[in-house]
């Protein structure tokens, strides 16, 4: 397999792309290396319908709650949610 190369990594042929999000406060005084990291996976198995929907709603809550909810704003200023 010849595969692809993205400039850093060899990417094998076949398979599917994996999409990812990084939700954090970009205007935070903390650098990325100083923030806590939280990794959430969802929809790993084909029959898991509810978890992806719940994760989408959680992401929506984080995005819309920034600067509108003090707790969410603080979390995103101190943490990266992947």
PDB file of N, CA and C in Angstrom:
ATOM      1  N   UNK A   1       0.831  -1.192   0.000  1.00  0.00           N
ATOM      2  CA  UNK A   1       0.000   0.000   0.000  1.00  0.00           C
ATOM      3  C   UNK A   1       0.865   1.242   0.000  1.00  0.00           C
ATOM      4  N   UNK A   2       0.599   2.100  -0.931  1.00  0.00           N
ATOM      5  CA  UNK A   2       1.358   3.341  -1.012  1.00  0.00           C
ATOM      6  C   UNK A   2       0.828   4.383  -0.037  1.00  0.00           C
ATOM      7  N   UNK A   3      -0.493   4.485   0.096  1.00  0.00           N
ATOM      8  CA  UNK A   3      -1.081   5.404   1.067  1.00  0.00           C
ATOM      9  C   UNK A   3      -0.895   6.864   0.701  1.00  0.00           C
ATOM     10  N   UNK A   4      -1.222   7.709   1.640  1.00  0.00           N
ATOM     11  CA  UNK A   4      -1.091   9.152   1.476  1.00  0.00           C
ATOM     12  C   UNK A   4      -0.155   9.677   2.545  1.00  0.00           C
ATOM     13  N   UNK A   5       0.262  10.918   2.383  1.00  0.00           N
ATOM     14  CA  UNK A   5       1.109  11.552   3.380  1.00  0.00           C
ATOM     15  C   UNK A   5       0.618  12.981   3.550  1.00  0.00           C
ATOM     16  N   UNK A   6       0.371  13.390   4.791  1.00  0.00           N
ATOM     17  CA  UNK A   6      -0.148  14.741   5.041  1.00  0.00           C
ATOM     18  C   UNK A   6       0.943  15.743   5.396  1.00  0.00           C
ATOM     19  N   UNK A   7       2.190  15.360   5.172  1.00  0.00           N
ATOM     20  CA  UNK A   7       3.305  16.229   5.508  1.00  0.00           C
ATOM     21  C   UNK A   7       3.947  15.845   6.828  1.00  0.00           C
ATOM     22  N   UNK A   8       3.214  15.124   7.662  1.00  0.00           N
ATOM     23  CA  UNK A   8       3.733  14.696   8.959  1.00  0.00           C
ATOM     24  C   UNK A   8       3.557  13.193   9.144  1.00  0.00           C
ATOM     25  N   UNK A   9       2.376  12.686   8.771  1.00  0.00           N
ATOM     26  CA  UNK A   9       2.036  11.294   9.033  1.00  0.00           C
ATOM     27  C   UNK A   9       1.769  10.541   7.734  1.00  0.00           C
ATOM     28  N   UNK A  10       2.081   9.261   7.732  1.00  0.00           N
ATOM     29  CA  UNK A  10       1.656   8.383   6.657  1.00  0.00           C
ATOM     30  C   UNK A  10       0.223   7.965   6.930  1.00  0.00           C
ATOM     31  N   UNK A  11      -0.629   8.078   5.919  1.00  0.00           N
ATOM     32  CA  UNK A  11      -2.035   7.734   6.065  1.00  0.00           C
ATOM     33  C   UNK A  11      -2.313   6.550   5.143  1.00  0.00           C
ATOM     34  N   UNK A  12      -2.715   5.407   5.694  1.00  0.00           N
ATOM     35  CA  UNK A  12      -2.950   4.237   4.850  1.00  0.00           C
ATOM     36  C   UNK A  12      -4.160   4.419   3.946  1.00  0.00           C
ATOM     37  N   UNK A  13      -4.157   3.695   2.826  1.00  0.00           N
ATOM     38  CA  UNK A  13      -5.317   3.696   1.927  1.00  0.00           C
ATOM     39  C   UNK A  13      -6.483   2.996   2.593  1.00  0.00           C
ATOM     40  N   UNK A  14      -7.679   3.322   2.143  1.00  0.00           N
ATOM     41  CA  UNK A  14      -8.874   2.673   2.662  1.00  0.00           C
ATOM     42  C   UNK A  14      -9.300   3.278   3.986  1.00  0.00           C
ATOM     43  N   UNK A  15     -10.345   2.720   4.550  1.00  0.00           N
ATOM     44  CA  UNK A  15     -10.842   3.216   5.827  1.00  0.00           C
ATOM     45  C   UNK A  15     -11.644   4.493   5.662  1.00  0.00           C
ATOM     46  N   UNK A  16     -11.895   5.127   6.776  1.00  0.00           N
ATOM     47  CA  UNK A  16     -12.719   6.326   6.793  1.00  0.00           C
ATOM     48  C   UNK A  16     -12.010   7.425   7.568  1.00  0.00           C
ATOM     49  N   UNK A  17     -12.301   8.653   7.209  1.00  0.00           N
ATOM     50  CA  UNK A  17     -11.763   9.778   7.961  1.00  0.00           C
ATOM     51  C   UNK A  17     -12.460   9.861   9.316  1.00  0.00           C
ATOM     52  N   UNK A  18     -11.737  10.318  10.301  1.00  0.00           N
ATOM     53  CA  UNK A  18     -12.296  10.541  11.630  1.00  0.00           C
ATOM     54  C   UNK A  18     -12.302  12.050  11.865  1.00  0.00           C
ATOM     55  N   UNK A  19     -13.458  12.588  12.136  1.00  0.00           N
ATOM     56  CA  UNK A  19     -13.587  14.013  12.368  1.00  0.00           C
ATOM     57  C   UNK A  19     -13.483  14.288  13.866  1.00  0.00           C
ATOM     58  N   UNK A  20     -12.847  15.385  14.208  1.00  0.00           N
ATOM     59  CA  UNK A  20     -12.654  15.718  15.614  1.00  0.00           C
ATOM     60  C   UNK A  20     -12.883  17.205  15.844  1.00  0.00           C
ATOM     61  N   UNK A  21     -13.258  17.536  17.051  1.00  0.00           N
ATOM     62  CA  UNK A  21     -13.453  18.924  17.460  1.00  0.00           C
ATOM     63  C   UNK A  21     -12.526  19.233  18.619  1.00  0.00           C
ATOM     64  N   UNK A  22     -12.118  20.475  18.718  1.00  0.00           N
ATOM     65  CA  UNK A  22     -11.393  20.969  19.888  1.00  0.00           C
ATOM     66  C   UNK A  22     -12.141  22.213  20.339  1.00  0.00           C
ATOM     67  N   UNK A  23     -12.825  22.100  21.458  1.00  0.00           N
ATOM     68  CA  UNK A  23     -13.626  23.214  21.965  1.00  0.00           C
ATOM     69  C   UNK A  23     -12.913  23.785  23.181  1.00  0.00           C
ATOM     70  N   UNK A  24     -12.560  25.066  23.101  1.00  0.00           N
ATOM     71  CA  UNK A  24     -11.880  25.741  24.193  1.00  0.00           C
ATOM     72  C   UNK A  24     -12.035  27.245  23.992  1.00  0.00           C
ATOM     73  N   UNK A  25     -11.646  28.016  24.975  1.00  0.00           N
ATOM     74  CA  UNK A  25     -11.685  29.474  24.870  1.00  0.00           C
ATOM     75  C   UNK A  25     -10.407  29.947  24.194  1.00  0.00           C
ATOM     76  N   UNK A  26     -10.520  30.472  23.004  1.00  0.00           N
ATOM     77  CA  UNK A  26      -9.322  30.926  22.289  1.00  0.00           C
ATOM     78  C   UNK A  26      -8.792  32.236  22.860  1.00  0.00           C
ATOM     79  N   UNK A  27      -9.629  32.967  23.589  1.00  0.00           N
ATOM     80  CA  UNK A  27      -9.184  34.242  24.158  1.00  0.00           C
ATOM     81  C   UNK A  27      -8.711  34.095  25.607  1.00  0.00           C
ATOM     82  N   UNK A  28      -8.502  32.861  26.047  1.00  0.00           N
ATOM     83  CA  UNK A  28      -8.042  32.600  27.406  1.00  0.00           C
ATOM     84  C   UNK A  28      -6.597  33.048  27.578  1.00  0.00           C
ATOM     85  N   UNK A  29      -6.248  33.451  28.797  1.00  0.00           N
ATOM     86  CA  UNK A  29      -4.865  33.848  29.072  1.00  0.00           C
ATOM     87  C   UNK A  29      -3.960  32.622  29.208  1.00  0.00           C
ATOM     88  N   UNK A  30      -4.550  31.437  29.315  1.00  0.00           N
ATOM     89  CA  UNK A  30      -3.771  30.203  29.433  1.00  0.00           C
ATOM     90  C   UNK A  30      -3.397  29.675  28.055  1.00  0.00           C
ATOM     91  N   UNK A  31      -2.190  29.163  27.946  1.00  0.00           N
ATOM     92  CA  UNK A  31      -1.751  28.503  26.729  1.00  0.00           C
ATOM     93  C   UNK A  31      -2.353  27.107  26.679  1.00  0.00           C
ATOM     94  N   UNK A  32      -2.395  26.522  25.500  1.00  0.00           N
ATOM     95  CA  UNK A  32      -2.924  25.170  25.349  1.00  0.00           C
ATOM     96  C   UNK A  32      -2.202  24.178  26.254  1.00  0.00           C
ATOM     97  N   UNK A  33      -0.890  24.325  26.379  1.00  0.00           N
ATOM     98  CA  UNK A  33      -0.106  23.395  27.201  1.00  0.00           C
ATOM     99  C   UNK A  33      -0.430  23.523  28.689  1.00  0.00           C
ATOM    100  N   UNK A  34      -1.062  24.614  29.089  1.00  0.00           N
ATOM    101  CA  UNK A  34      -1.411  24.835  30.495  1.00  0.00           C
ATOM    102  C   UNK A  34      -2.834  24.388  30.823  1.00  0.00           C
ATOM    103  N   UNK A  35      -3.596  24.026  29.805  1.00  0.00           N
ATOM    104  CA  UNK A  35      -4.992  23.655  30.009  1.00  0.00           C
ATOM    105  C   UNK A  35      -5.133  22.151  30.211  1.00  0.00           C
ATOM    106  N   UNK A  36      -6.131  21.791  31.009  1.00  0.00           N
ATOM    107  CA  UNK A  36      -6.474  20.382  31.139  1.00  0.00           C
ATOM    108  C   UNK A  36      -7.080  19.894  29.835  1.00  0.00           C
ATOM    109  N   UNK A  37      -7.001  18.612  29.598  1.00  0.00           N
ATOM    110  CA  UNK A  37      -7.537  18.013  28.372  1.00  0.00           C
ATOM    111  C   UNK A  37      -8.631  17.022  28.737  1.00  0.00           C
ATOM    112  N   UNK A  38      -9.702  17.032  27.964  1.00  0.00           N
ATOM    113  CA  UNK A  38     -10.791  16.085  28.170  1.00  0.00           C
ATOM    114  C   UNK A  38     -11.133  15.480  26.812  1.00  0.00           C
ATOM    115  N   UNK A  39     -11.050  14.158  26.707  1.00  0.00           N
ATOM    116  CA  UNK A  39     -11.364  13.455  25.463  1.00  0.00           C
ATOM    117  C   UNK A  39     -12.688  12.725  25.623  1.00  0.00           C
ATOM    118  N   UNK A  40     -13.596  12.979  24.707  1.00  0.00           N
ATOM    119  CA  UNK A  40     -14.898  12.317  24.729  1.00  0.00           C
ATOM    120  C   UNK A  40     -15.050  11.560  23.410  1.00  0.00           C
ATOM    121  N   UNK A  41     -15.374  10.287  23.488  1.00  0.00           N
ATOM    122  CA  UNK A  41     -15.680   9.517  22.286  1.00  0.00           C
ATOM    123  C   UNK A  41     -17.142   9.126  22.328  1.00  0.00           C
ATOM    124  N   UNK A  42     -17.730   9.002  21.146  1.00  0.00           N
ATOM    125  CA  UNK A  42     -19.145   8.681  21.070  1.00  0.00           C
ATOM    126  C   UNK A  42     -19.435   8.042  19.718  1.00  0.00           C
ATOM    127  N   UNK A  43     -20.400   7.175  19.685  1.00  0.00           N
ATOM    128  CA  UNK A  43     -20.792   6.549  18.433  1.00  0.00           C
ATOM    129  C   UNK A  43     -19.762   5.577  17.909  1.00  0.00           C
ATOM    130  N   UNK A  44     -19.065   4.912  18.805  1.00  0.00           N
ATOM    131  CA  UNK A  44     -18.012   3.979  18.404  1.00  0.00           C
ATOM    132  C   UNK A  44     -18.613   2.744  17.738  1.00  0.00           C
ATOM    133  N   UNK A  45     -19.761   2.304  18.224  1.00  0.00           N
ATOM    134  CA  UNK A  45     -20.400   1.107  17.688  1.00  0.00           C
ATOM    135  C   UNK A  45     -21.670   1.497  16.926  1.00  0.00           C
ATOM    136  N   UNK A  46     -21.998   0.744  15.912  1.00  0.00           N
ATOM    137  CA  UNK A  46     -23.083   1.088  14.988  1.00  0.00           C
ATOM    138  C   UNK A  46     -24.443   1.236  15.661  1.00  0.00           C
ATOM    139  N   UNK A  47     -24.706   0.492  16.709  1.00  0.00           N
ATOM    140  CA  UNK A  47     -26.040   0.527  17.323  1.00  0.00           C
ATOM    141  C   UNK A  47     -26.166   1.549  18.442  1.00  0.00           C
ATOM    142  N   UNK A  48     -25.159   2.368  18.638  1.00  0.00           N
ATOM    143  CA  UNK A  48     -25.208   3.401  19.676  1.00  0.00           C
ATOM    144  C   UNK A  48     -25.783   4.683  19.080  1.00  0.00           C
ATOM    145  N   UNK A  49     -27.077   4.844  19.175  1.00  0.00           N
ATOM    146  CA  UNK A  49     -27.718   6.002  18.576  1.00  0.00           C
ATOM    147  C   UNK A  49     -27.827   7.174  19.544  1.00  0.00           C
ATOM    148  N   UNK A  50     -28.110   6.920  20.788  1.00  0.00           N
ATOM    149  CA  UNK A  50     -28.310   8.005  21.750  1.00  0.00           C
ATOM    150  C   UNK A  50     -27.020   8.755  22.101  1.00  0.00           C
ATOM    151  N   UNK A  51     -25.889   8.072  22.347  1.00  0.00           N
ATOM    152  CA  UNK A  51     -24.687   8.816  22.746  1.00  0.00           C
ATOM    153  C   UNK A  51     -24.232   9.895  21.763  1.00  0.00           C
ATOM    154  N   UNK A  52     -24.229   9.665  20.438  1.00  0.00           N
ATOM    155  CA  UNK A  52     -23.835  10.762  19.542  1.00  0.00           C
ATOM    156  C   UNK A  52     -24.769  11.967  19.635  1.00  0.00           C
ATOM    157  N   UNK A  53     -26.058  11.706  19.800  1.00  0.00           N
ATOM    158  CA  UNK A  53     -27.018  12.805  19.948  1.00  0.00           C
ATOM    159  C   UNK A  53     -26.769  13.582  21.234  1.00  0.00           C
ATOM    160  N   UNK A  54     -26.515  12.869  22.320  1.00  0.00           N
ATOM    161  CA  UNK A  54     -26.231  13.536  23.593  1.00  0.00           C
ATOM    162  C   UNK A  54     -24.932  14.335  23.519  1.00  0.00           C
ATOM    163  N   UNK A  55     -23.933  13.787  22.852  1.00  0.00           N
ATOM    164  CA  UNK A  55     -22.673  14.515  22.698  1.00  0.00           C
ATOM    165  C   UNK A  55     -22.878  15.773  21.861  1.00  0.00           C
ATOM    166  N   UNK A  56     -23.661  15.676  20.798  1.00  0.00           N
ATOM    167  CA  UNK A  56     -23.940  16.855  19.964  1.00  0.00           C
ATOM    168  C   UNK A  56     -24.625  17.946  20.791  1.00  0.00           C
ATOM    169  N   UNK A  57     -25.527  17.552  21.657  1.00  0.00           N
ATOM    170  CA  UNK A  57     -26.205  18.535  22.515  1.00  0.00           C
ATOM    171  C   UNK A  57     -25.254  19.126  23.560  1.00  0.00           C
ATOM    172  N   UNK A  58     -24.341  18.300  24.063  1.00  0.00           N
ATOM    173  CA  UNK A  58     -23.342  18.792  25.008  1.00  0.00           C
ATOM    174  C   UNK A  58     -22.440  19.826  24.338  1.00  0.00           C
ATOM    175  N   UNK A  59     -21.987  19.523  23.115  1.00  0.00           N
ATOM    176  CA  UNK A  59     -21.155  20.464  22.350  1.00  0.00           C
ATOM    177  C   UNK A  59     -21.918  21.765  22.125  1.00  0.00           C
ATOM    178  N   UNK A  60     -23.165  21.645  21.730  1.00  0.00           N
ATOM    179  CA  UNK A  60     -24.002  22.829  21.504  1.00  0.00           C
ATOM    180  C   UNK A  60     -24.119  23.662  22.780  1.00  0.00           C
ATOM    181  N   UNK A  61     -24.289  22.982  23.923  1.00  0.00           N
ATOM    182  CA  UNK A  61     -24.387  23.680  25.207  1.00  0.00           C
ATOM    183  C   UNK A  61     -23.091  24.426  25.524  1.00  0.00           C
ATOM    184  N   UNK A  62     -21.938  23.793  25.261  1.00  0.00           N
ATOM    185  CA  UNK A  62     -20.657  24.455  25.509  1.00  0.00           C
ATOM    186  C   UNK A  62     -20.485  25.684  24.619  1.00  0.00           C
ATOM    187  N   UNK A  63     -20.770  25.513  23.345  1.00  0.00           N
ATOM    188  CA  UNK A  63     -20.569  26.613  22.394  1.00  0.00           C
ATOM    189  C   UNK A  63     -21.503  27.784  22.695  1.00  0.00           C
ATOM    190  N   UNK A  64     -22.774  27.498  22.906  1.00  0.00           N
ATOM    191  CA  UNK A  64     -23.741  28.581  23.165  1.00  0.00           C
ATOM    192  C   UNK A  64     -23.631  29.124  24.588  1.00  0.00           C
ATOM    193  N   UNK A  65     -23.069  28.347  25.496  1.00  0.00           N
ATOM    194  CA  UNK A  65     -22.960  28.791  26.881  1.00  0.00           C
ATOM    195  C   UNK A  65     -21.743  29.644  27.167  1.00  0.00           C
ATOM    196  N   UNK A  66     -20.780  29.662  26.227  1.00  0.00           N
ATOM    197  CA  UNK A  66     -19.576  30.464  26.453  1.00  0.00           C
ATOM    198  C   UNK A  66     -19.945  31.944  26.503  1.00  0.00           C
ATOM    199  N   UNK A  67     -19.485  32.640  27.506  1.00  0.00           N
ATOM    200  CA  UNK A  67     -19.783  34.054  27.781  1.00  0.00           C
ATOM    201  C   UNK A  67     -21.240  34.295  28.170  1.00  0.00           C
ATOM    202  N   UNK A  68     -22.041  33.235  28.250  1.00  0.00           N
ATOM    203  CA  UNK A  68     -23.427  33.379  28.693  1.00  0.00           C
ATOM    204  C   UNK A  68     -23.646  32.663  30.021  1.00  0.00           C
ATOM    205  N   UNK A  69     -22.788  31.695  30.333  1.00  0.00           N
ATOM    206  CA  UNK A  69     -22.885  30.906  31.554  1.00  0.00           C
ATOM    207  C   UNK A  69     -21.504  30.908  32.200  1.00  0.00           C
ATOM    208  N   UNK A  70     -21.428  31.385  33.433  1.00  0.00           N
ATOM    209  CA  UNK A  70     -20.127  31.538  34.107  1.00  0.00           C
ATOM    210  C   UNK A  70     -19.394  30.213  34.269  1.00  0.00           C
ATOM    211  N   UNK A  71     -20.115  29.144  34.585  1.00  0.00           N
ATOM    212  CA  UNK A  71     -19.470  27.840  34.760  1.00  0.00           C
ATOM    213  C   UNK A  71     -18.862  27.336  33.459  1.00  0.00           C
ATOM    214  N   UNK A  72     -19.622  27.414  32.374  1.00  0.00           N
ATOM    215  CA  UNK A  72     -19.124  26.952  31.072  1.00  0.00           C
ATOM    216  C   UNK A  72     -17.949  27.812  30.622  1.00  0.00           C
ATOM    217  N   UNK A  73     -18.029  29.106  30.816  1.00  0.00           N
ATOM    218  CA  UNK A  73     -16.940  30.000  30.434  1.00  0.00           C
ATOM    219  C   UNK A  73     -15.658  29.638  31.180  1.00  0.00           C
ATOM    220  N   UNK A  74     -15.758  29.399  32.477  1.00  0.00           N
ATOM    221  CA  UNK A  74     -14.592  29.017  33.276  1.00  0.00           C
ATOM    222  C   UNK A  74     -14.019  27.685  32.814  1.00  0.00           C
ATOM    223  N   UNK A  75     -14.883  26.710  32.576  1.00  0.00           N
ATOM    224  CA  UNK A  75     -14.423  25.402  32.105  1.00  0.00           C
ATOM    225  C   UNK A  75     -13.647  25.542  30.805  1.00  0.00           C
ATOM    226  N   UNK A  76     -14.177  26.290  29.848  1.00  0.00           N
ATOM    227  CA  UNK A  76     -13.521  26.413  28.550  1.00  0.00           C
ATOM    228  C   UNK A  76     -12.261  27.275  28.608  1.00  0.00           C
ATOM    229  N   UNK A  77     -12.147  28.150  29.587  1.00  0.00           N
ATOM    230  CA  UNK A  77     -10.921  28.928  29.745  1.00  0.00           C
ATOM    231  C   UNK A  77      -9.802  28.082  30.346  1.00  0.00           C
ATOM    232  N   UNK A  78     -10.163  26.999  31.028  1.00  0.00           N
ATOM    233  CA  UNK A  78      -9.154  26.164  31.709  1.00  0.00           C
ATOM    234  C   UNK A  78      -8.990  24.778  31.109  1.00  0.00           C
ATOM    235  N   UNK A  79      -9.828  24.434  30.130  1.00  0.00           N
ATOM    236  CA  UNK A  79      -9.840  23.070  29.624  1.00  0.00           C
ATOM    237  C   UNK A  79     -10.024  23.063  28.097  1.00  0.00           C
ATOM    238  N   UNK A  80      -9.448  22.060  27.452  1.00  0.00           N
ATOM    239  CA  UNK A  80      -9.734  21.778  26.052  1.00  0.00           C
ATOM    240  C   UNK A  80     -10.574  20.517  26.000  1.00  0.00           C
ATOM    241  N   UNK A  81     -11.707  20.596  25.348  1.00  0.00           N
ATOM    242  CA  UNK A  81     -12.596  19.440  25.191  1.00  0.00           C
ATOM    243  C   UNK A  81     -12.396  18.918  23.768  1.00  0.00           C
ATOM    244  N   UNK A  82     -11.912  17.700  23.655  1.00  0.00           N
ATOM    245  CA  UNK A  82     -11.669  17.074  22.349  1.00  0.00           C
ATOM    246  C   UNK A  82     -12.684  15.981  22.128  1.00  0.00           C
TER     247      UNK A  82
END
